[in-house]
Amino acid sequence: MDKKTIILKVALELFSERGYAATSTRMISKQAAVSEGLIFRHYQNKDGLLKALYAEGISKIEELYEPMLKLEHPKVFLKQVLSIPFLIKEDNFPIWRFFYNQQWYDPQLYRLTTKLLSDRVCDSFRLLDYKDPETETETFFVLLEGIITNVLLTKYNLTFAVVENTIRKFNL
């Protein structure tokens, strides 16, 4: 692994564990065993690291969502969306933890993890003749985000039962 990749990996670990604000480039350089100047050469500053992590995370999210966006039947699509927490590879947990942690500090990041799916979920509820598809979509994402958080924090503790309950709630 090259030093640029090591720096990004360490930054992700520290940002997801401690938060962006509580992590300094000095901490990153120390844990990555590189000079702070090398961080600045590759990423200009801490914000450059943040932007690189956003880009990497968005890429992994798009890769995860791509097959489900091809599904046509609304119930099948919604069930597949509910399976997202179980499709996140364990080695991608840090980027998801980072995104979920960072959304408290960066309003533009809020719901970035589900933005690509929002319109399709709403359209699915519309096709299924739900009375208020917009509110159903909001409810669906609140539940999904809670389920994802549960998986990221506890690794499936009661998560399957919650997903089954959500499937029953939406009659999927």
C-alpha atoms as a PDB file:
ATOM      1  CA  MET A   1       0.000   0.000   0.000  1.00  0.00           C
ATOM      2  CA  ASP A   2       1.449   3.381  -0.983  1.00  0.00           C
ATOM      3  CA  LYS A   3       1.779   6.250   1.516  1.00  0.00           C
ATOM      4  CA  LYS A   4      -1.065   8.269  -0.007  1.00  0.00           C
ATOM      5  CA  THR A   5      -3.439   5.329   0.515  1.00  0.00           C
ATOM      6  CA  ILE A   6      -2.128   4.741   4.037  1.00  0.00           C
ATOM      7  CA  ILE A   7      -2.755   8.396   4.920  1.00  0.00           C
ATOM      8  CA  LEU A   8      -6.340   8.181   3.653  1.00  0.00           C
ATOM      9  CA  LYS A   9      -6.944   4.886   5.465  1.00  0.00           C
ATOM     10  CA  VAL A  10      -5.634   6.272   8.768  1.00  0.00           C
ATOM     11  CA  ALA A  11      -7.633   9.484   8.321  1.00  0.00           C
ATOM     12  CA  LEU A  12     -10.775   7.418   7.788  1.00  0.00           C
ATOM     13  CA  GLU A  13     -10.093   5.339  10.910  1.00  0.00           C
ATOM     14  CA  LEU A  14      -9.489   8.400  13.063  1.00  0.00           C
ATOM     15  CA  PHE A  15     -12.356  10.437  11.600  1.00  0.00           C
ATOM     16  CA  SER A  16     -14.808   7.547  12.092  1.00  0.00           C
ATOM     17  CA  GLU A  17     -13.595   6.866  15.658  1.00  0.00           C
ATOM     18  CA  ARG A  18     -12.943  10.398  16.948  1.00  0.00           C
ATOM     19  CA  GLY A  19     -14.769  12.625  14.483  1.00  0.00           C
ATOM     20  CA  TYR A  20     -13.380  15.045  11.946  1.00  0.00           C
ATOM     21  CA  ALA A  21     -13.114  18.031  14.294  1.00  0.00           C
ATOM     22  CA  ALA A  22     -11.280  16.054  16.994  1.00  0.00           C
ATOM     23  CA  THR A  23      -8.674  14.664  14.581  1.00  0.00           C
ATOM     24  CA  SER A  24      -5.622  16.681  13.604  1.00  0.00           C
ATOM     25  CA  THR A  25      -3.272  16.170  10.678  1.00  0.00           C
ATOM     26  CA  ARG A  26      -0.551  15.677  13.298  1.00  0.00           C
ATOM     27  CA  MET A  27      -2.472  12.688  14.726  1.00  0.00           C
ATOM     28  CA  ILE A  28      -2.931  11.269  11.242  1.00  0.00           C
ATOM     29  CA  SER A  29       0.753  11.690  10.373  1.00  0.00           C
ATOM     30  CA  LYS A  30       1.833  10.041  13.615  1.00  0.00           C
ATOM     31  CA  GLN A  31      -0.439   7.011  13.213  1.00  0.00           C
ATOM     32  CA  ALA A  32       0.365   6.699   9.501  1.00  0.00           C
ATOM     33  CA  ALA A  33       4.098   7.026  10.242  1.00  0.00           C
ATOM     34  CA  VAL A  34       4.537   9.803   7.676  1.00  0.00           C
ATOM     35  CA  SER A  35       5.432  13.455   7.914  1.00  0.00           C
ATOM     36  CA  GLU A  36       2.671  16.001   8.210  1.00  0.00           C
ATOM     37  CA  GLY A  37       4.166  17.658   5.123  1.00  0.00           C
ATOM     38  CA  LEU A  38       3.446  14.522   3.097  1.00  0.00           C
ATOM     39  CA  ILE A  39      -0.236  14.794   4.025  1.00  0.00           C
ATOM     40  CA  PHE A  40      -0.219  18.399   2.796  1.00  0.00           C
ATOM     41  CA  ARG A  41       1.584  17.403  -0.406  1.00  0.00           C
ATOM     42  CA  HIS A  42      -0.998  14.734  -1.250  1.00  0.00           C
ATOM     43  CA  TYR A  43      -4.169  16.369   0.122  1.00  0.00           C
ATOM     44  CA  GLN A  44      -3.283  20.081   0.637  1.00  0.00           C
ATOM     45  CA  ASN A  45      -4.961  20.141   4.088  1.00  0.00           C
ATOM     46  CA  LYS A  46      -7.394  18.298   6.364  1.00  0.00           C
ATOM     47  CA  ASP A  47     -10.311  19.446   4.214  1.00  0.00           C
ATOM     48  CA  GLY A  48      -8.636  17.808   1.213  1.00  0.00           C
ATOM     49  CA  LEU A  49      -8.627  14.529   3.144  1.00  0.00           C
ATOM     50  CA  LEU A  50     -12.303  15.017   3.910  1.00  0.00           C
ATOM     51  CA  LYS A  51     -13.125  15.584   0.226  1.00  0.00           C
ATOM     52  CA  ALA A  52     -11.141  12.482  -0.775  1.00  0.00           C
ATOM     53  CA  LEU A  53     -13.066  10.402   1.773  1.00  0.00           C
ATOM     54  CA  TYR A  54     -16.391  11.793   0.549  1.00  0.00           C
ATOM     55  CA  ALA A  55     -15.483  10.830  -3.024  1.00  0.00           C
ATOM     56  CA  GLU A  56     -14.398   7.331  -1.971  1.00  0.00           C
ATOM     57  CA  GLY A  57     -17.543   6.835   0.098  1.00  0.00           C
ATOM     58  CA  ILE A  58     -19.880   8.025  -2.635  1.00  0.00           C
ATOM     59  CA  SER A  59     -18.200   5.654  -5.061  1.00  0.00           C
ATOM     60  CA  LYS A  60     -18.714   2.682  -2.705  1.00  0.00           C
ATOM     61  CA  ILE A  61     -22.350   3.680  -2.115  1.00  0.00           C
ATOM     62  CA  GLU A  62     -23.056   3.956  -5.847  1.00  0.00           C
ATOM     63  CA  GLU A  63     -21.452   0.546  -6.388  1.00  0.00           C
ATOM     64  CA  LEU A  64     -23.679  -0.992  -3.701  1.00  0.00           C
ATOM     65  CA  TYR A  65     -26.864   0.618  -5.051  1.00  0.00           C
ATOM     66  CA  GLU A  66     -26.301   0.028  -8.768  1.00  0.00           C
ATOM     67  CA  PRO A  67     -27.853  -3.483  -8.966  1.00  0.00           C
ATOM     68  CA  MET A  68     -30.914  -2.572  -6.890  1.00  0.00           C
ATOM     69  CA  LEU A  69     -31.672   0.511  -9.002  1.00  0.00           C
ATOM     70  CA  LYS A  70     -32.224  -1.864 -11.945  1.00  0.00           C
ATOM     71  CA  LEU A  71     -35.041  -3.694 -10.134  1.00  0.00           C
ATOM     72  CA  GLU A  72     -38.441  -2.872 -11.596  1.00  0.00           C
ATOM     73  CA  HIS A  73     -41.079  -4.242  -9.232  1.00  0.00           C
ATOM     74  CA  PRO A  74     -41.675  -1.732  -6.400  1.00  0.00           C
ATOM     75  CA  LYS A  75     -41.989  -4.335  -3.615  1.00  0.00           C
ATOM     76  CA  VAL A  76     -38.872  -6.169  -4.752  1.00  0.00           C
ATOM     77  CA  PHE A  77     -36.998  -2.874  -4.932  1.00  0.00           C
ATOM     78  CA  LEU A  78     -38.116  -1.768  -1.445  1.00  0.00           C
ATOM     79  CA  LYS A  79     -37.168  -5.133   0.083  1.00  0.00           C
ATOM     80  CA  GLN A  80     -33.765  -4.900  -1.562  1.00  0.00           C
ATOM     81  CA  VAL A  81     -33.275  -1.391  -0.151  1.00  0.00           C
ATOM     82  CA  LEU A  82     -34.056  -2.783   3.309  1.00  0.00           C
ATOM     83  CA  SER A  83     -31.288  -5.343   2.758  1.00  0.00           C
ATOM     84  CA  ILE A  84     -28.639  -2.579   2.423  1.00  0.00           C
ATOM     85  CA  PRO A  85     -27.408  -2.980   6.011  1.00  0.00           C
ATOM     86  CA  PHE A  86     -26.602  -6.637   5.302  1.00  0.00           C
ATOM     87  CA  LEU A  87     -24.911  -5.846   1.978  1.00  0.00           C
ATOM     88  CA  ILE A  88     -22.371  -3.444   3.466  1.00  0.00           C
ATOM     89  CA  LYS A  89     -19.074  -5.309   3.523  1.00  0.00           C
ATOM     90  CA  GLU A  90     -17.406  -5.251   6.911  1.00  0.00           C
ATOM     91  CA  ASP A  91     -14.290  -3.613   5.460  1.00  0.00           C
ATOM     92  CA  ASN A  92     -16.566  -0.726   4.351  1.00  0.00           C
ATOM     93  CA  PHE A  93     -18.004  -0.206   7.851  1.00  0.00           C
ATOM     94  CA  PRO A  94     -15.495   2.588   8.637  1.00  0.00           C
ATOM     95  CA  ILE A  95     -16.593   4.714   5.647  1.00  0.00           C
ATOM     96  CA  TRP A  96     -20.269   4.229   6.552  1.00  0.00           C
ATOM     97  CA  ARG A  97     -19.566   5.012  10.228  1.00  0.00           C
ATOM     98  CA  PHE A  98     -17.692   8.108   9.127  1.00  0.00           C
ATOM     99  CA  PHE A  99     -20.590   9.267   6.918  1.00  0.00           C
ATOM    100  CA  TYR A 100     -23.139   8.667   9.661  1.00  0.00           C
ATOM    101  CA  ASN A 101     -20.968  10.464  12.227  1.00  0.00           C
ATOM    102  CA  GLN A 102     -20.075  13.338   9.904  1.00  0.00           C
ATOM    103  CA  GLN A 103     -23.673  14.071   8.871  1.00  0.00           C
ATOM    104  CA  TRP A 104     -24.190  15.681  12.302  1.00  0.00           C
ATOM    105  CA  TYR A 105     -21.585  18.287  11.393  1.00  0.00           C
ATOM    106  CA  ASP A 106     -22.125  18.644   7.666  1.00  0.00           C
ATOM    107  CA  PRO A 107     -25.788  19.205   6.728  1.00  0.00           C
ATOM    108  CA  GLN A 108     -25.009  18.534   3.042  1.00  0.00           C
ATOM    109  CA  LEU A 109     -23.905  15.023   3.962  1.00  0.00           C
ATOM    110  CA  TYR A 110     -27.194  14.223   5.696  1.00  0.00           C
ATOM    111  CA  ARG A 111     -28.909  11.491   3.749  1.00  0.00           C
ATOM    112  CA  LEU A 112     -26.096  11.338   1.200  1.00  0.00           C
ATOM    113  CA  THR A 113     -26.064   7.610   1.826  1.00  0.00           C
ATOM    114  CA  THR A 114     -29.681   7.334   0.662  1.00  0.00           C
ATOM    115  CA  LYS A 115     -30.012  10.280  -1.747  1.00  0.00           C
ATOM    116  CA  LEU A 116     -29.622   8.069  -4.810  1.00  0.00           C
ATOM    117  CA  LEU A 117     -32.620   6.002  -3.708  1.00  0.00           C
ATOM    118  CA  SER A 118     -35.075   8.651  -2.482  1.00  0.00           C
ATOM    119  CA  ASP A 119     -36.994   9.304  -5.699  1.00  0.00           C
ATOM    120  CA  ARG A 120     -37.217   5.598  -6.510  1.00  0.00           C
ATOM    121  CA  VAL A 121     -38.534   4.777  -3.039  1.00  0.00           C
ATOM    122  CA  CYS A 122     -41.176   7.509  -3.313  1.00  0.00           C
ATOM    123  CA  ASP A 123     -42.142   6.304  -6.805  1.00  0.00           C
ATOM    124  CA  SER A 124     -42.426   2.767  -5.449  1.00  0.00           C
ATOM    125  CA  PHE A 125     -44.865   3.864  -2.749  1.00  0.00           C
ATOM    126  CA  ARG A 126     -46.784   5.816  -5.389  1.00  0.00           C
ATOM    127  CA  LEU A 127     -46.982   2.726  -7.640  1.00  0.00           C
ATOM    128  CA  LEU A 128     -48.179   0.693  -4.669  1.00  0.00           C
ATOM    129  CA  ASP A 129     -51.014   3.224  -4.185  1.00  0.00           C
ATOM    130  CA  TYR A 130     -49.934   4.487  -0.781  1.00  0.00           C
ATOM    131  CA  LYS A 131     -52.066   7.440   0.287  1.00  0.00           C
ATOM    132  CA  ASP A 132     -49.102   9.686   1.169  1.00  0.00           C
ATOM    133  CA  PRO A 133     -45.958   8.395  -0.608  1.00  0.00           C
ATOM    134  CA  GLU A 134     -43.795  11.309   0.577  1.00  0.00           C
ATOM    135  CA  THR A 135     -44.497  10.624   4.265  1.00  0.00           C
ATOM    136  CA  GLU A 136     -44.092   6.869   3.719  1.00  0.00           C
ATOM    137  CA  THR A 137     -40.722   7.562   2.086  1.00  0.00           C
ATOM    138  CA  GLU A 138     -39.605   9.672   5.040  1.00  0.00           C
ATOM    139  CA  THR A 139     -40.748   6.982   7.480  1.00  0.00           C
ATOM    140  CA  PHE A 140     -39.009   4.298   5.411  1.00  0.00           C
ATOM    141  CA  PHE A 141     -35.690   6.185   5.474  1.00  0.00           C
ATOM    142  CA  VAL A 142     -35.895   6.948   9.188  1.00  0.00           C
ATOM    143  CA  LEU A 143     -36.307   3.215   9.802  1.00  0.00           C
ATOM    144  CA  LEU A 144     -33.596   2.290   7.282  1.00  0.00           C
ATOM    145  CA  GLU A 145     -31.094   4.721   8.797  1.00  0.00           C
ATOM    146  CA  GLY A 146     -31.820   3.304  12.249  1.00  0.00           C
ATOM    147  CA  ILE A 147     -31.313  -0.229  10.962  1.00  0.00           C
ATOM    148  CA  ILE A 148     -28.027   0.738   9.271  1.00  0.00           C
ATOM    149  CA  THR A 149     -26.863   2.442  12.473  1.00  0.00           C
ATOM    150  CA  ASN A 150     -27.756  -0.694  14.449  1.00  0.00           C
ATOM    151  CA  VAL A 151     -25.676  -2.858  12.099  1.00  0.00           C
ATOM    152  CA  LEU A 152     -22.721  -0.449  12.182  1.00  0.00           C
ATOM    153  CA  LEU A 153     -22.752  -0.356  15.978  1.00  0.00           C
ATOM    154  CA  THR A 154     -23.817  -3.877  16.966  1.00  0.00           C
ATOM    155  CA  LYS A 155     -23.260  -6.040  13.891  1.00  0.00           C
ATOM    156  CA  TYR A 156     -26.786  -7.415  13.426  1.00  0.00           C
ATOM    157  CA  ASN A 157     -27.981  -7.545  17.046  1.00  0.00           C
ATOM    158  CA  LEU A 158     -31.790  -7.855  16.562  1.00  0.00           C
ATOM    159  CA  THR A 159     -31.478  -6.249  13.122  1.00  0.00           C
ATOM    160  CA  PHE A 160     -33.045  -9.120  11.192  1.00  0.00           C
ATOM    161  CA  ALA A 161     -36.155  -8.968  13.384  1.00  0.00           C
ATOM    162  CA  VAL A 162     -36.403  -5.197  12.869  1.00  0.00           C
ATOM    163  CA  VAL A 163     -36.127  -5.601   9.081  1.00  0.00           C
ATOM    164  CA  GLU A 164     -38.795  -8.334   9.099  1.00  0.00           C
ATOM    165  CA  ASN A 165     -41.031  -6.061  11.162  1.00  0.00           C
ATOM    166  CA  THR A 166     -40.431  -3.191   8.705  1.00  0.00           C
ATOM    167  CA  ILE A 167     -41.320  -5.461   5.768  1.00  0.00           C
ATOM    168  CA  ARG A 168     -44.587  -6.354   7.529  1.00  0.00           C
ATOM    169  CA  LYS A 169     -45.268  -2.694   8.376  1.00  0.00           C
ATOM    170  CA  PHE A 170     -45.029  -1.702   4.707  1.00  0.00           C
ATOM    171  CA  ASN A 171     -46.757  -4.907   3.518  1.00  0.00           C
ATOM    172  CA  LEU A 172     -43.866  -5.857   1.288  1.00  0.00           C
END
